[in-house]
Every structure is written in structure tokens, then in C-alpha cells.
Amino acid sequence: MFRMFQELAPHDPRDKCGHHYAICLDLKNQRFEVLDSTRSKADADLTTHAKFFINNLKDTWNRHYEHSKVQIRHFPTEYVATAKQGNTSDCGFHALEYFAKWEG
């Protein structure tokens, strides 16, 4: 499980506001799961950020575990429908809740 932080204004050095979400590597079901409390697969910022991380993780896994029985290169990414937060400040709490309740 990976707690992700995405800056909302990455080109503004004074604005450090961001958003927390989670990416889970589900070995049992052979997939990556993205859990976000405000966004869905339809959000290009989310999918671009998640895809970048997942692709780097797959490359690193392949480099360090190329002889392992478990290979993750073919794992698809599922954007899990989650309860959406009712404000703009609780995303960190929701990410921690995903970790506590995840059953993958």
C-alpha cells in the first residue's frame, strides 16, 4: 500500500497545497487499486499521477525481482469507487481509513 501525495499547483513554489490518495498492490487479485476520496477514473490528473507511479513500480519490481514467481507487469489498474468526502480538507484522513479497512 502506498500513500500518495499530489501537489495541486506543482509549478507554484509558494503553493504546497495537495491531495492524498492511496494505491494498493493487490497480489491476491493480481491488480493495482487506486482509492481516492474526491476523484474517479474520469479525472485526468489522478490517472496521470497514478499511472506514472505504477509504471515506475512495475519497472523497479522487474529490475529487482525479475526471477520471482510473482510478476506484476501485466497487472491492470482498477479505480475503486469509494465514498466521497464532503469537504476539501479530509483527504489525508480518508487515505488512512483506506489503509485500515483494505482487505486485498
C-alpha atoms as a PDB file:
ATOM      1  CA  MET A   1       0.000   0.000   0.000  1.00  0.00           C
ATOM      2  CA  PHE A   2       1.286   3.389  -0.948  1.00  0.00           C
ATOM      3  CA  ARG A   3       0.057   6.697   0.402  1.00  0.00           C
ATOM      4  CA  MET A   4       0.252   9.170  -2.438  1.00  0.00           C
ATOM      5  CA  PHE A   5       0.524  12.959  -2.261  1.00  0.00           C
ATOM      6  CA  GLN A   6      -0.183  15.021  -5.338  1.00  0.00           C
ATOM      7  CA  GLU A   7       0.587  18.734  -5.349  1.00  0.00           C
ATOM      8  CA  LEU A   8      -2.343  20.685  -6.724  1.00  0.00           C
ATOM      9  CA  ALA A   9      -0.173  23.527  -8.055  1.00  0.00           C
ATOM     10  CA  PRO A  10       3.195  21.888  -8.835  1.00  0.00           C
ATOM     11  CA  HIS A  11       4.505  24.888 -10.790  1.00  0.00           C
ATOM     12  CA  ASP A  12       3.865  27.390  -7.977  1.00  0.00           C
ATOM     13  CA  PRO A  13       6.701  27.139  -5.397  1.00  0.00           C
ATOM     14  CA  ARG A  14       4.631  29.067  -2.815  1.00  0.00           C
ATOM     15  CA  ASP A  15       1.584  26.794  -3.017  1.00  0.00           C
ATOM     16  CA  LYS A  16       2.208  23.488  -1.224  1.00  0.00           C
ATOM     17  CA  CYS A  17      -1.453  22.512  -1.121  1.00  0.00           C
ATOM     18  CA  GLY A  18      -2.061  18.947  -2.205  1.00  0.00           C
ATOM     19  CA  HIS A  19      -4.230  15.877  -2.150  1.00  0.00           C
ATOM     20  CA  HIS A  20      -3.729  12.458  -0.536  1.00  0.00           C
ATOM     21  CA  TYR A  21      -4.944   9.187  -2.033  1.00  0.00           C
ATOM     22  CA  ALA A  22      -3.890   5.525  -1.945  1.00  0.00           C
ATOM     23  CA  ILE A  23      -2.502   2.989  -4.409  1.00  0.00           C
ATOM     24  CA  CYS A  24      -2.634  -0.652  -3.356  1.00  0.00           C
ATOM     25  CA  LEU A  25      -0.776  -3.561  -4.920  1.00  0.00           C
ATOM     26  CA  ASP A  26      -3.225  -6.458  -4.625  1.00  0.00           C
ATOM     27  CA  LEU A  27      -1.162  -9.587  -5.224  1.00  0.00           C
ATOM     28  CA  LYS A  28      -4.070 -11.917  -4.450  1.00  0.00           C
ATOM     29  CA  ASN A  29      -6.301 -10.459  -7.176  1.00  0.00           C
ATOM     30  CA  GLN A  30      -3.360  -9.500  -9.405  1.00  0.00           C
ATOM     31  CA  ARG A  31      -4.142  -5.826  -9.838  1.00  0.00           C
ATOM     32  CA  PHE A  32      -3.394  -2.312  -8.663  1.00  0.00           C
ATOM     33  CA  GLU A  33      -6.183  -0.470  -6.881  1.00  0.00           C
ATOM     34  CA  VAL A  34      -6.452   3.322  -6.741  1.00  0.00           C
ATOM     35  CA  LEU A  35      -8.624   4.728  -3.941  1.00  0.00           C
ATOM     36  CA  ASP A  36      -9.431   8.437  -3.930  1.00  0.00           C
ATOM     37  CA  SER A  37     -11.939  10.319  -1.778  1.00  0.00           C
ATOM     38  CA  THR A  38     -12.688  13.093  -4.284  1.00  0.00           C
ATOM     39  CA  ARG A  39     -11.839  11.869  -7.771  1.00  0.00           C
ATOM     40  CA  SER A  40     -12.541   8.961 -10.111  1.00  0.00           C
ATOM     41  CA  LYS A  41     -11.015   7.354 -13.199  1.00  0.00           C
ATOM     42  CA  ALA A  42     -12.517  10.218 -15.219  1.00  0.00           C
ATOM     43  CA  ASP A  43     -10.049  12.671 -13.642  1.00  0.00           C
ATOM     44  CA  ALA A  44      -7.005  13.066 -15.911  1.00  0.00           C
ATOM     45  CA  ASP A  45      -4.797  14.464 -13.115  1.00  0.00           C
ATOM     46  CA  LEU A  46      -5.451  11.384 -10.986  1.00  0.00           C
ATOM     47  CA  THR A  47      -4.930   8.849 -13.762  1.00  0.00           C
ATOM     48  CA  THR A  48      -1.732  10.538 -14.984  1.00  0.00           C
ATOM     49  CA  HIS A  49      -0.257  10.711 -11.470  1.00  0.00           C
ATOM     50  CA  ALA A  50      -1.242   7.125 -10.594  1.00  0.00           C
ATOM     51  CA  LYS A  51      -0.048   5.714 -13.929  1.00  0.00           C
ATOM     52  CA  PHE A  52       3.358   7.383 -13.534  1.00  0.00           C
ATOM     53  CA  PHE A  53       3.852   5.839 -10.075  1.00  0.00           C
ATOM     54  CA  ILE A  54       2.528   2.396 -11.063  1.00  0.00           C
ATOM     55  CA  ASN A  55       4.733   2.218 -14.160  1.00  0.00           C
ATOM     56  CA  ASN A  56       7.800   3.125 -12.088  1.00  0.00           C
ATOM     57  CA  LEU A  57       6.870   0.498  -9.504  1.00  0.00           C
ATOM     58  CA  LYS A  58       6.481  -2.131 -12.235  1.00  0.00           C
ATOM     59  CA  ASP A  59       9.912  -1.226 -13.673  1.00  0.00           C
ATOM     60  CA  THR A  60      11.529  -1.362 -10.230  1.00  0.00           C
ATOM     61  CA  TRP A  61       9.859  -4.691  -9.438  1.00  0.00           C
ATOM     62  CA  ASN A  62      11.090  -6.138 -12.713  1.00  0.00           C
ATOM     63  CA  ARG A  63      14.619  -4.901 -12.074  1.00  0.00           C
ATOM     64  CA  HIS A  64      14.857  -6.296  -8.532  1.00  0.00           C
ATOM     65  CA  TYR A  65      12.573  -9.335  -8.734  1.00  0.00           C
ATOM     66  CA  GLU A  66      12.966 -10.498 -12.327  1.00  0.00           C
ATOM     67  CA  HIS A  67      13.385 -14.131 -11.208  1.00  0.00           C
ATOM     68  CA  SER A  68      10.481 -14.090  -8.763  1.00  0.00           C
ATOM     69  CA  LYS A  69       7.452 -16.314  -9.299  1.00  0.00           C
ATOM     70  CA  VAL A  70       5.331 -13.191  -8.894  1.00  0.00           C
ATOM     71  CA  GLN A  71       5.469 -10.716 -11.738  1.00  0.00           C
ATOM     72  CA  ILE A  72       3.332  -7.573 -11.757  1.00  0.00           C
ATOM     73  CA  ARG A  73       3.971  -6.145 -15.243  1.00  0.00           C
ATOM     74  CA  HIS A  74       0.601  -7.444 -16.516  1.00  0.00           C
ATOM     75  CA  PHE A  75      -1.469  -6.260 -13.514  1.00  0.00           C
ATOM     76  CA  PRO A  76      -4.263  -3.903 -14.573  1.00  0.00           C
ATOM     77  CA  THR A  77      -5.262  -0.810 -12.624  1.00  0.00           C
ATOM     78  CA  GLU A  78      -8.693  -0.586 -11.053  1.00  0.00           C
ATOM     79  CA  TYR A  79     -10.069   2.727  -9.830  1.00  0.00           C
ATOM     80  CA  VAL A  80     -12.191   1.665  -6.868  1.00  0.00           C
ATOM     81  CA  ALA A  81     -15.467   3.507  -6.254  1.00  0.00           C
ATOM     82  CA  THR A  82     -15.198   4.971  -2.747  1.00  0.00           C
ATOM     83  CA  ALA A  83     -17.305   7.155  -0.507  1.00  0.00           C
ATOM     84  CA  LYS A  84     -16.538  10.761  -1.406  1.00  0.00           C
ATOM     85  CA  GLN A  85     -15.558  13.259   1.247  1.00  0.00           C
ATOM     86  CA  GLY A  86     -17.885  16.182   1.935  1.00  0.00           C
ATOM     87  CA  ASN A  87     -15.210  18.872   2.149  1.00  0.00           C
ATOM     88  CA  THR A  88     -11.798  19.812   0.764  1.00  0.00           C
ATOM     89  CA  SER A  89      -9.669  19.021   3.795  1.00  0.00           C
ATOM     90  CA  ASP A  90     -10.228  15.384   4.869  1.00  0.00           C
ATOM     91  CA  CYS A  91      -8.346  13.522   2.108  1.00  0.00           C
ATOM     92  CA  GLY A  92      -5.495  12.506   4.434  1.00  0.00           C
ATOM     93  CA  PHE A  93      -7.977  11.013   6.896  1.00  0.00           C
ATOM     94  CA  HIS A  94      -9.714   9.110   4.093  1.00  0.00           C
ATOM     95  CA  ALA A  95      -6.375   7.726   2.839  1.00  0.00           C
ATOM     96  CA  LEU A  96      -5.621   6.407   6.350  1.00  0.00           C
ATOM     97  CA  GLU A  97      -9.097   4.869   6.514  1.00  0.00           C
ATOM     98  CA  TYR A  98      -8.443   3.041   3.230  1.00  0.00           C
ATOM     99  CA  PHE A  99      -5.316   1.504   4.769  1.00  0.00           C
ATOM    100  CA  ALA A 100      -7.161   0.449   7.915  1.00  0.00           C
ATOM    101  CA  LYS A 101     -10.073  -1.152   6.054  1.00  0.00           C
ATOM    102  CA  TRP A 102      -8.443  -2.545   2.917  1.00  0.00           C
ATOM    103  CA  GLU A 103      -8.871  -6.299   2.508  1.00  0.00           C
ATOM    104  CA  GLY A 104      -6.720  -7.013  -0.554  1.00  0.00           C
END
